[in-house]
Every structure is written in C-alpha cells, then in structure tokens.
Amino acid sequence: VQLQASGGGLVQAGDSLRLSCVSSKRTSSNNAMGWFRQAPGKEREFVATISWNGGITSFADSVKGRFSISKDRAKGAVYLQMNSLKPEDTAVYYCASSRSSIGSTDPQSYGYWGRGTQVTVSS
C-alpha cells in the first residue's frame, strides 16, 4: 500500500491549506486514517485522526478549532483542512493508515505511511 500526500506549500500566518492523501489501494476504506507532523529537530507528533467511516475524529490540542479532517472511502482518500495557520504549524506532514478501524494518537498504531508534504507558514 502506498500513500501519497500532497497539498503542502509556503503560506503566510492566517492562511489556509488543504492536504490530501490518497491510498494506492482501497484498504483504507475500512481503516482509520491519521495525520502526523514533524518539525525540524522535533519528534513526529499526532495531528488528527478519523475512524473508518468518518464518524469519529480526534485532534491534537494545538490544532483544535483550526484543523478538520475528512475521508472519502470510495477514493481511499483523507483530507486535512488547515485554517488560521501559525508559524508553529510549520512541519512535514505525513498521512498514515491505521491497523484498526478506530484512530489513535499513537504512531505505532499505523501500518502504512506516506512520504510527507512540507508545510511552511511564515509570520
């Protein structure tokens, strides 16, 4: 299974971006999906997750109220809508497919990872 993330870029603080992640196979239709990010010199951290049917979502405290996550099971895709971006959101963003139908904040729960897309927010 390959996951391809896209949609990153260079934006200014307060702008919005929408990240997309498409799976090479529709295995993600029955699996939770998640987004993580890693800033330079920092560990990878959880951003958001969505359950297999999109009914349950969870967000890191740092992005609550600004980010939303959605899923298109038919396309095997997951999206991360990022609004009111801040410089501290700058990182490489990775999408991942969970081993289960319910998402988790633990990266060990995810079996497949995309290569990441860079998001840079200038002040």
N, C-alpha and C. Protein backbone atom coordinates (compact mmCIF):
# COMPACT_ATOMS: atom_id res chain seq x y z
N VAL A 1 0.85 -1.18 0.00
CA VAL A 1 0.00 0.00 0.00
C VAL A 1 0.89 1.24 0.00
N GLN A 2 0.59 2.14 -0.89
CA GLN A 2 1.32 3.40 -0.93
C GLN A 2 0.37 4.54 -0.64
N LEU A 3 0.85 5.47 0.15
CA LEU A 3 0.08 6.66 0.47
C LEU A 3 0.81 7.86 -0.09
N GLN A 4 0.10 8.69 -0.79
CA GLN A 4 0.71 9.86 -1.39
C GLN A 4 0.04 11.11 -0.86
N ALA A 5 0.80 11.89 -0.11
CA ALA A 5 0.29 13.14 0.44
C ALA A 5 0.66 14.30 -0.48
N SER A 6 -0.22 15.26 -0.55
CA SER A 6 0.03 16.44 -1.37
C SER A 6 -0.71 17.63 -0.79
N GLY A 7 -0.42 18.81 -1.33
CA GLY A 7 -1.13 19.99 -0.92
C GLY A 7 -0.34 20.95 -0.05
N GLY A 8 0.86 20.55 0.34
CA GLY A 8 1.67 21.44 1.15
C GLY A 8 2.16 22.64 0.38
N GLY A 9 2.77 23.56 1.09
CA GLY A 9 3.29 24.74 0.43
C GLY A 9 3.74 25.79 1.42
N LEU A 10 4.08 26.94 0.88
CA LEU A 10 4.50 28.08 1.69
C LEU A 10 3.36 29.08 1.74
N VAL A 11 2.91 29.38 2.95
CA VAL A 11 1.81 30.32 3.14
C VAL A 11 2.16 31.29 4.26
N GLN A 12 1.34 32.30 4.40
CA GLN A 12 1.51 33.25 5.48
C GLN A 12 0.62 32.89 6.66
N ALA A 13 0.99 33.37 7.81
CA ALA A 13 0.18 33.14 9.01
C ALA A 13 -1.25 33.63 8.75
N GLY A 14 -2.20 32.80 9.15
CA GLY A 14 -3.60 33.13 8.96
C GLY A 14 -4.21 32.52 7.71
N ASP A 15 -3.36 32.04 6.82
CA ASP A 15 -3.85 31.41 5.59
C ASP A 15 -4.35 29.99 5.84
N SER A 16 -4.87 29.40 4.79
CA SER A 16 -5.38 28.03 4.86
C SER A 16 -4.70 27.15 3.82
N LEU A 17 -4.66 25.87 4.12
CA LEU A 17 -4.18 24.86 3.20
C LEU A 17 -5.02 23.61 3.37
N ARG A 18 -5.14 22.87 2.29
CA ARG A 18 -5.84 21.58 2.36
C ARG A 18 -4.90 20.49 1.89
N LEU A 19 -4.57 19.59 2.77
CA LEU A 19 -3.72 18.47 2.43
C LEU A 19 -4.59 17.29 2.01
N SER A 20 -4.09 16.56 1.02
CA SER A 20 -4.78 15.37 0.55
C SER A 20 -3.86 14.17 0.65
N CYS A 21 -4.44 13.04 0.84
CA CYS A 21 -3.67 11.80 0.90
C CYS A 21 -4.50 10.71 0.24
N VAL A 22 -3.92 10.09 -0.76
CA VAL A 22 -4.62 9.06 -1.50
C VAL A 22 -3.88 7.74 -1.36
N SER A 23 -4.62 6.70 -1.11
CA SER A 23 -4.03 5.37 -0.97
C SER A 23 -4.03 4.66 -2.32
N SER A 24 -2.99 3.89 -2.54
CA SER A 24 -2.91 3.14 -3.80
C SER A 24 -3.94 2.02 -3.85
N LYS A 25 -4.40 1.62 -2.69
CA LYS A 25 -5.42 0.59 -2.63
C LYS A 25 -6.52 1.06 -1.70
N ARG A 26 -7.67 0.53 -1.87
CA ARG A 26 -8.79 0.97 -1.04
C ARG A 26 -8.85 0.22 0.29
N THR A 27 -7.67 -0.22 0.75
CA THR A 27 -7.64 -0.83 2.08
C THR A 27 -8.00 0.18 3.14
N SER A 28 -7.74 1.46 2.84
CA SER A 28 -8.03 2.48 3.84
C SER A 28 -9.52 2.68 4.04
N SER A 29 -10.37 2.08 3.19
CA SER A 29 -11.80 2.28 3.35
C SER A 29 -12.29 1.67 4.66
N ASN A 30 -11.61 0.66 5.19
CA ASN A 30 -12.02 0.04 6.44
C ASN A 30 -11.07 0.35 7.59
N ASN A 31 -10.17 1.26 7.33
CA ASN A 31 -9.18 1.60 8.34
C ASN A 31 -9.27 3.07 8.71
N ALA A 32 -8.95 3.33 9.94
CA ALA A 32 -8.80 4.72 10.34
C ALA A 32 -7.59 5.32 9.65
N MET A 33 -7.62 6.61 9.47
CA MET A 33 -6.51 7.32 8.85
C MET A 33 -6.08 8.44 9.79
N GLY A 34 -4.83 8.82 9.66
CA GLY A 34 -4.34 9.88 10.53
C GLY A 34 -3.35 10.78 9.85
N TRP A 35 -3.15 11.93 10.46
CA TRP A 35 -2.14 12.87 10.02
C TRP A 35 -1.19 13.12 11.20
N PHE A 36 0.07 13.12 10.89
CA PHE A 36 1.11 13.45 11.86
C PHE A 36 2.01 14.51 11.24
N ARG A 37 2.81 15.14 12.05
CA ARG A 37 3.75 16.12 11.52
C ARG A 37 5.05 16.07 12.29
N GLN A 38 6.10 16.52 11.61
CA GLN A 38 7.41 16.54 12.24
C GLN A 38 8.13 17.82 11.84
N ALA A 39 8.42 18.62 12.83
CA ALA A 39 9.17 19.85 12.61
C ALA A 39 10.66 19.56 12.78
N PRO A 40 11.51 20.38 12.19
CA PRO A 40 12.95 20.16 12.31
C PRO A 40 13.41 20.07 13.75
N GLY A 41 14.15 19.03 14.07
CA GLY A 41 14.67 18.87 15.41
C GLY A 41 13.68 18.36 16.44
N LYS A 42 12.48 18.05 15.98
CA LYS A 42 11.45 17.58 16.91
C LYS A 42 10.97 16.19 16.50
N GLU A 43 10.33 15.53 17.45
CA GLU A 43 9.78 14.21 17.17
C GLU A 43 8.47 14.35 16.39
N ARG A 44 8.14 13.28 15.70
CA ARG A 44 6.87 13.26 14.99
C ARG A 44 5.73 13.34 16.00
N GLU A 45 4.74 14.15 15.72
CA GLU A 45 3.62 14.31 16.63
C GLU A 45 2.29 14.12 15.93
N PHE A 46 1.34 13.68 16.70
CA PHE A 46 -0.01 13.46 16.22
C PHE A 46 -0.69 14.78 15.91
N VAL A 47 -1.46 14.79 14.81
CA VAL A 47 -2.23 15.97 14.44
C VAL A 47 -3.73 15.67 14.48
N ALA A 48 -4.15 14.65 13.75
CA ALA A 48 -5.58 14.35 13.66
C ALA A 48 -5.77 12.92 13.18
N THR A 49 -6.93 12.37 13.52
CA THR A 49 -7.27 11.04 13.04
C THR A 49 -8.76 10.95 12.79
N ILE A 50 -9.14 10.04 11.91
CA ILE A 50 -10.54 9.85 11.57
C ILE A 50 -10.80 8.35 11.46
N SER A 51 -11.92 7.92 12.01
CA SER A 51 -12.25 6.50 12.00
C SER A 51 -12.63 6.01 10.61
N TRP A 52 -12.81 4.73 10.47
CA TRP A 52 -13.01 4.11 9.16
C TRP A 52 -14.20 4.69 8.40
N ASN A 53 -15.25 5.05 9.11
CA ASN A 53 -16.44 5.58 8.44
C ASN A 53 -16.57 7.09 8.59
N GLY A 54 -15.55 7.70 9.17
CA GLY A 54 -15.58 9.14 9.33
C GLY A 54 -16.39 9.63 10.50
N GLY A 55 -16.92 8.71 11.29
CA GLY A 55 -17.80 9.10 12.36
C GLY A 55 -17.11 9.62 13.61
N ILE A 56 -15.85 9.27 13.76
CA ILE A 56 -15.11 9.69 14.95
C ILE A 56 -13.82 10.38 14.50
N THR A 57 -13.63 11.57 15.02
CA THR A 57 -12.41 12.32 14.73
C THR A 57 -11.77 12.76 16.03
N SER A 58 -10.48 12.98 15.96
CA SER A 58 -9.75 13.42 17.13
C SER A 58 -8.61 14.33 16.66
N PHE A 59 -8.32 15.34 17.49
CA PHE A 59 -7.32 16.32 17.10
C PHE A 59 -6.37 16.60 18.25
N ALA A 60 -5.17 16.96 17.90
CA ALA A 60 -4.24 17.45 18.90
C ALA A 60 -4.75 18.78 19.43
N ASP A 61 -4.49 19.06 20.69
CA ASP A 61 -4.96 20.30 21.30
C ASP A 61 -4.46 21.52 20.53
N SER A 62 -3.28 21.42 19.98
CA SER A 62 -2.67 22.56 19.29
C SER A 62 -3.38 22.94 18.00
N VAL A 63 -4.21 22.05 17.47
CA VAL A 63 -4.87 22.35 16.19
C VAL A 63 -6.40 22.35 16.31
N LYS A 64 -6.91 22.03 17.48
CA LYS A 64 -8.37 22.00 17.66
C LYS A 64 -8.98 23.35 17.33
N GLY A 65 -10.08 23.30 16.58
CA GLY A 65 -10.76 24.52 16.20
C GLY A 65 -10.21 25.16 14.95
N ARG A 66 -9.04 24.71 14.50
CA ARG A 66 -8.43 25.28 13.29
C ARG A 66 -8.34 24.25 12.16
N PHE A 67 -8.14 23.00 12.52
CA PHE A 67 -7.99 21.94 11.52
C PHE A 67 -9.23 21.05 11.53
N SER A 68 -9.53 20.50 10.39
CA SER A 68 -10.58 19.48 10.29
C SER A 68 -10.07 18.36 9.40
N ILE A 69 -10.63 17.18 9.60
CA ILE A 69 -10.21 16.01 8.85
C ILE A 69 -11.44 15.35 8.25
N SER A 70 -11.30 14.86 7.03
CA SER A 70 -12.41 14.19 6.37
C SER A 70 -11.87 13.03 5.54
N LYS A 71 -12.78 12.20 5.11
CA LYS A 71 -12.37 10.96 4.44
C LYS A 71 -13.33 10.66 3.30
N ASP A 72 -12.79 10.18 2.21
CA ASP A 72 -13.60 9.71 1.10
C ASP A 72 -13.27 8.24 0.91
N ARG A 73 -14.11 7.39 1.44
CA ARG A 73 -13.83 5.96 1.42
C ARG A 73 -13.78 5.42 0.00
N ALA A 74 -14.64 5.94 -0.85
CA ALA A 74 -14.67 5.45 -2.23
C ALA A 74 -13.35 5.70 -2.95
N LYS A 75 -12.72 6.81 -2.63
CA LYS A 75 -11.46 7.17 -3.27
C LYS A 75 -10.25 6.71 -2.47
N GLY A 76 -10.48 6.22 -1.26
CA GLY A 76 -9.35 5.86 -0.42
C GLY A 76 -8.53 7.08 -0.04
N ALA A 77 -9.20 8.17 0.17
CA ALA A 77 -8.51 9.44 0.42
C ALA A 77 -8.88 10.02 1.77
N VAL A 78 -7.96 10.76 2.32
CA VAL A 78 -8.19 11.50 3.56
C VAL A 78 -7.66 12.92 3.36
N TYR A 79 -8.36 13.87 3.95
CA TYR A 79 -8.02 15.27 3.76
C TYR A 79 -7.82 15.95 5.11
N LEU A 80 -6.93 16.92 5.12
CA LEU A 80 -6.72 17.72 6.31
C LEU A 80 -6.86 19.19 5.92
N GLN A 81 -7.94 19.80 6.36
CA GLN A 81 -8.17 21.22 6.11
C GLN A 81 -7.55 22.01 7.25
N MET A 82 -6.63 22.87 6.91
CA MET A 82 -5.90 23.63 7.93
C MET A 82 -6.20 25.10 7.74
N ASN A 83 -6.85 25.68 8.73
CA ASN A 83 -7.19 27.10 8.70
C ASN A 83 -6.41 27.86 9.77
N SER A 84 -6.36 29.15 9.62
CA SER A 84 -5.69 30.02 10.60
C SER A 84 -4.30 29.49 10.94
N LEU A 85 -3.56 29.19 9.92
CA LEU A 85 -2.24 28.59 10.13
C LEU A 85 -1.31 29.52 10.89
N LYS A 86 -0.45 28.91 11.69
CA LYS A 86 0.50 29.64 12.51
C LYS A 86 1.93 29.18 12.14
N PRO A 87 2.90 30.01 12.41
CA PRO A 87 4.29 29.59 12.12
C PRO A 87 4.66 28.27 12.80
N GLU A 88 4.10 28.02 13.97
CA GLU A 88 4.40 26.78 14.68
C GLU A 88 3.78 25.55 14.03
N ASP A 89 2.96 25.75 13.02
CA ASP A 89 2.42 24.62 12.25
C ASP A 89 3.40 24.15 11.18
N THR A 90 4.48 24.88 11.02
CA THR A 90 5.48 24.50 10.03
C THR A 90 6.07 23.14 10.34
N ALA A 91 5.99 22.25 9.37
CA ALA A 91 6.47 20.88 9.57
C ALA A 91 6.27 20.10 8.27
N VAL A 92 6.82 18.91 8.25
CA VAL A 92 6.47 17.95 7.21
C VAL A 92 5.27 17.16 7.73
N TYR A 93 4.23 17.10 6.94
CA TYR A 93 3.00 16.43 7.34
C TYR A 93 2.92 15.07 6.65
N TYR A 94 2.62 14.07 7.46
CA TYR A 94 2.53 12.69 6.98
C TYR A 94 1.13 12.15 7.19
N CYS A 95 0.63 11.45 6.19
CA CYS A 95 -0.62 10.72 6.38
C CYS A 95 -0.27 9.26 6.65
N ALA A 96 -1.17 8.60 7.33
CA ALA A 96 -0.92 7.21 7.71
C ALA A 96 -2.23 6.45 7.77
N SER A 97 -2.13 5.17 7.49
CA SER A 97 -3.28 4.28 7.56
C SER A 97 -3.16 3.40 8.79
N SER A 98 -4.19 3.42 9.61
CA SER A 98 -4.15 2.67 10.87
C SER A 98 -4.34 1.19 10.63
N ARG A 99 -3.89 0.41 11.58
CA ARG A 99 -4.11 -1.05 11.54
C ARG A 99 -5.52 -1.40 11.99
N SER A 100 -6.22 -0.42 12.55
CA SER A 100 -7.56 -0.68 13.04
C SER A 100 -8.56 0.29 12.43
N SER A 101 -9.82 0.08 12.76
CA SER A 101 -10.88 0.93 12.23
C SER A 101 -11.08 2.20 13.04
N ILE A 102 -10.50 2.22 14.23
CA ILE A 102 -10.60 3.39 15.09
C ILE A 102 -9.22 4.03 15.19
N GLY A 103 -9.16 5.31 15.03
CA GLY A 103 -7.90 6.01 15.03
C GLY A 103 -7.25 6.09 16.39
N SER A 104 -5.99 6.44 16.37
CA SER A 104 -5.22 6.54 17.60
C SER A 104 -4.22 7.68 17.47
N THR A 105 -3.80 8.18 18.61
CA THR A 105 -2.75 9.21 18.61
C THR A 105 -1.36 8.59 18.56
N ASP A 106 -1.29 7.28 18.72
CA ASP A 106 -0.01 6.56 18.77
C ASP A 106 0.45 6.19 17.37
N PRO A 107 1.58 6.70 16.92
CA PRO A 107 2.05 6.36 15.57
C PRO A 107 2.30 4.87 15.38
N GLN A 108 2.54 4.14 16.47
CA GLN A 108 2.75 2.70 16.35
C GLN A 108 1.51 1.96 15.90
N SER A 109 0.37 2.63 15.98
CA SER A 109 -0.90 2.01 15.56
C SER A 109 -1.12 2.07 14.06
N TYR A 110 -0.22 2.75 13.38
CA TYR A 110 -0.38 2.95 11.94
C TYR A 110 0.63 2.09 11.18
N GLY A 111 0.12 1.37 10.20
CA GLY A 111 0.96 0.43 9.49
C GLY A 111 1.56 0.96 8.20
N TYR A 112 0.92 1.93 7.61
CA TYR A 112 1.40 2.47 6.34
C TYR A 112 1.50 3.98 6.44
N TRP A 113 2.58 4.49 5.87
CA TRP A 113 2.85 5.93 5.94
C TRP A 113 3.17 6.48 4.55
N GLY A 114 2.71 7.70 4.33
CA GLY A 114 3.09 8.41 3.12
C GLY A 114 4.43 9.08 3.31
N ARG A 115 4.96 9.65 2.25
CA ARG A 115 6.29 10.27 2.31
C ARG A 115 6.28 11.68 2.87
N GLY A 116 5.15 12.27 3.02
CA GLY A 116 5.10 13.58 3.65
C GLY A 116 5.06 14.73 2.66
N THR A 117 4.48 15.82 3.11
CA THR A 117 4.42 17.05 2.33
C THR A 117 4.78 18.22 3.24
N GLN A 118 5.59 19.11 2.73
CA GLN A 118 6.09 20.21 3.54
C GLN A 118 5.09 21.35 3.63
N VAL A 119 4.85 21.79 4.85
CA VAL A 119 4.02 22.96 5.09
C VAL A 119 4.89 23.99 5.81
N THR A 120 5.00 25.16 5.23
CA THR A 120 5.78 26.23 5.82
C THR A 120 4.90 27.46 5.98
N VAL A 121 4.82 27.95 7.20
CA VAL A 121 3.99 29.10 7.50
C VAL A 121 4.89 30.25 7.95
N SER A 122 4.88 31.32 7.20
CA SER A 122 5.71 32.47 7.53
C SER A 122 4.92 33.45 8.37
N SER A 123 5.64 34.16 9.21
CA SER A 123 4.97 35.12 10.10
C SER A 123 4.83 36.49 9.46
